[in-house]
Amino acid sequence: MQSLLQVAAMDVQDVKVVVVFVEERPTPDQYRDLEQRVKQARLEGNVVAVWPDEFGRTRFLAPPEQHPFFQVVSYDQLRAQISGTLA
């Protein structure tokens, strides 16, 4: 998972969130790596990994307090918020 990843820095219910677009569900080690890469990029917020399932639905790995938001937002809506990349 060391490739260039697209990210969206956003506020979800007054909480800073960094959405990282991945191809599939990250393993725990890959998620920790994402958190470290976000920190090294000096981005602030809870790290949320998102990916589409085979039906285009949004799948995510996020802190529990962000679950209600990510359960209803579409993958396309999130992609429209892309604001940069993560090396």
Protein backbone atom coordinates (compact mmCIF):
# COMPACT_ATOMS: atom_id res chain seq x y z
CA MET A 1 0.00 0.00 0.00
CA GLN A 2 2.96 2.32 -0.62
CA SER A 3 1.45 3.82 -3.76
CA LEU A 4 0.21 7.36 -4.27
CA LEU A 5 -3.24 7.62 -2.68
CA GLN A 6 -5.93 10.23 -3.16
CA VAL A 7 -7.21 11.96 -0.03
CA ALA A 8 -10.01 14.29 0.99
CA ALA A 9 -9.56 16.46 4.06
CA MET A 10 -12.98 17.38 5.42
CA ASP A 11 -15.03 18.19 8.50
CA VAL A 12 -17.69 15.68 9.49
CA GLN A 13 -19.97 17.06 12.20
CA ASP A 14 -17.22 19.47 13.35
CA VAL A 15 -14.58 16.72 13.47
CA LYS A 16 -11.59 16.81 11.12
CA VAL A 17 -11.35 13.70 8.98
CA VAL A 18 -8.81 12.62 6.39
CA VAL A 19 -10.46 10.25 3.92
CA VAL A 20 -7.94 7.99 2.18
CA PHE A 21 -9.10 6.18 -0.95
CA VAL A 22 -7.83 2.60 -1.11
CA GLU A 23 -8.61 -0.30 -3.43
CA GLU A 24 -9.67 -2.78 -0.74
CA ARG A 25 -10.09 -3.12 3.00
CA PRO A 26 -6.71 -2.49 4.63
CA THR A 27 -5.25 -4.95 7.10
CA PRO A 28 -4.58 -3.57 10.61
CA ASP A 29 -0.92 -3.05 9.67
CA GLN A 30 -1.88 -1.25 6.44
CA TYR A 31 -4.30 0.98 8.37
CA ARG A 32 -1.56 1.91 10.86
CA ASP A 33 0.67 2.69 7.87
CA LEU A 34 -2.04 4.98 6.47
CA GLU A 35 -2.28 6.78 9.82
CA GLN A 36 1.49 7.25 9.83
CA ARG A 37 1.53 8.55 6.25
CA VAL A 38 -1.25 11.03 7.05
CA LYS A 39 0.69 12.24 10.08
CA GLN A 40 3.92 12.58 8.06
CA ALA A 41 2.01 14.63 5.49
CA ARG A 42 1.02 16.97 8.33
CA LEU A 43 -2.68 16.36 7.76
CA GLU A 44 -4.90 16.55 10.81
CA GLY A 45 -7.90 14.47 11.63
CA ASN A 46 -9.23 10.98 12.07
CA VAL A 47 -8.06 8.68 9.30
CA VAL A 48 -10.82 6.94 7.38
CA ALA A 49 -10.03 4.39 4.68
CA VAL A 50 -12.74 4.07 2.01
CA TRP A 51 -13.19 1.78 -0.97
CA PRO A 52 -16.08 0.75 -3.20
CA ASP A 53 -17.48 -2.77 -3.07
CA GLU A 54 -18.40 -4.68 -6.24
CA PHE A 55 -21.78 -2.87 -6.32
CA GLY A 56 -20.28 0.62 -5.96
CA ARG A 57 -21.35 0.98 -2.34
CA THR A 58 -19.06 2.76 0.08
CA ARG A 59 -17.10 0.54 2.43
CA PHE A 60 -14.97 2.11 5.12
CA LEU A 61 -12.75 1.68 8.14
CA ALA A 62 -13.36 4.58 10.52
CA PRO A 63 -13.60 5.51 14.19
CA PRO A 64 -17.07 4.60 15.54
CA GLU A 65 -18.19 8.22 15.85
CA GLN A 66 -17.87 8.64 12.07
CA HIS A 67 -19.84 5.49 11.16
CA PRO A 68 -23.27 7.19 10.79
CA PHE A 69 -21.87 9.62 8.20
CA PHE A 70 -20.00 7.02 6.16
CA GLN A 71 -22.96 4.65 6.20
CA VAL A 72 -25.05 7.15 4.20
CA VAL A 73 -22.58 9.03 2.00
CA SER A 74 -21.93 7.66 -1.48
CA TYR A 75 -18.50 6.82 -2.78
CA ASP A 76 -18.95 9.33 -5.61
CA GLN A 77 -19.82 12.10 -3.12
CA LEU A 78 -16.61 11.38 -1.24
CA ARG A 79 -14.52 11.29 -4.42
CA ALA A 80 -15.88 14.72 -5.33
CA GLN A 81 -14.13 16.03 -2.19
CA ILE A 82 -10.62 14.84 -3.16
CA SER A 83 -8.19 17.58 -2.25
CA GLY A 84 -4.79 15.99 -2.76
CA THR A 85 -2.61 12.92 -2.71
CA LEU A 86 -0.68 11.04 -0.07
CA ALA A 87 2.83 9.88 -1.02
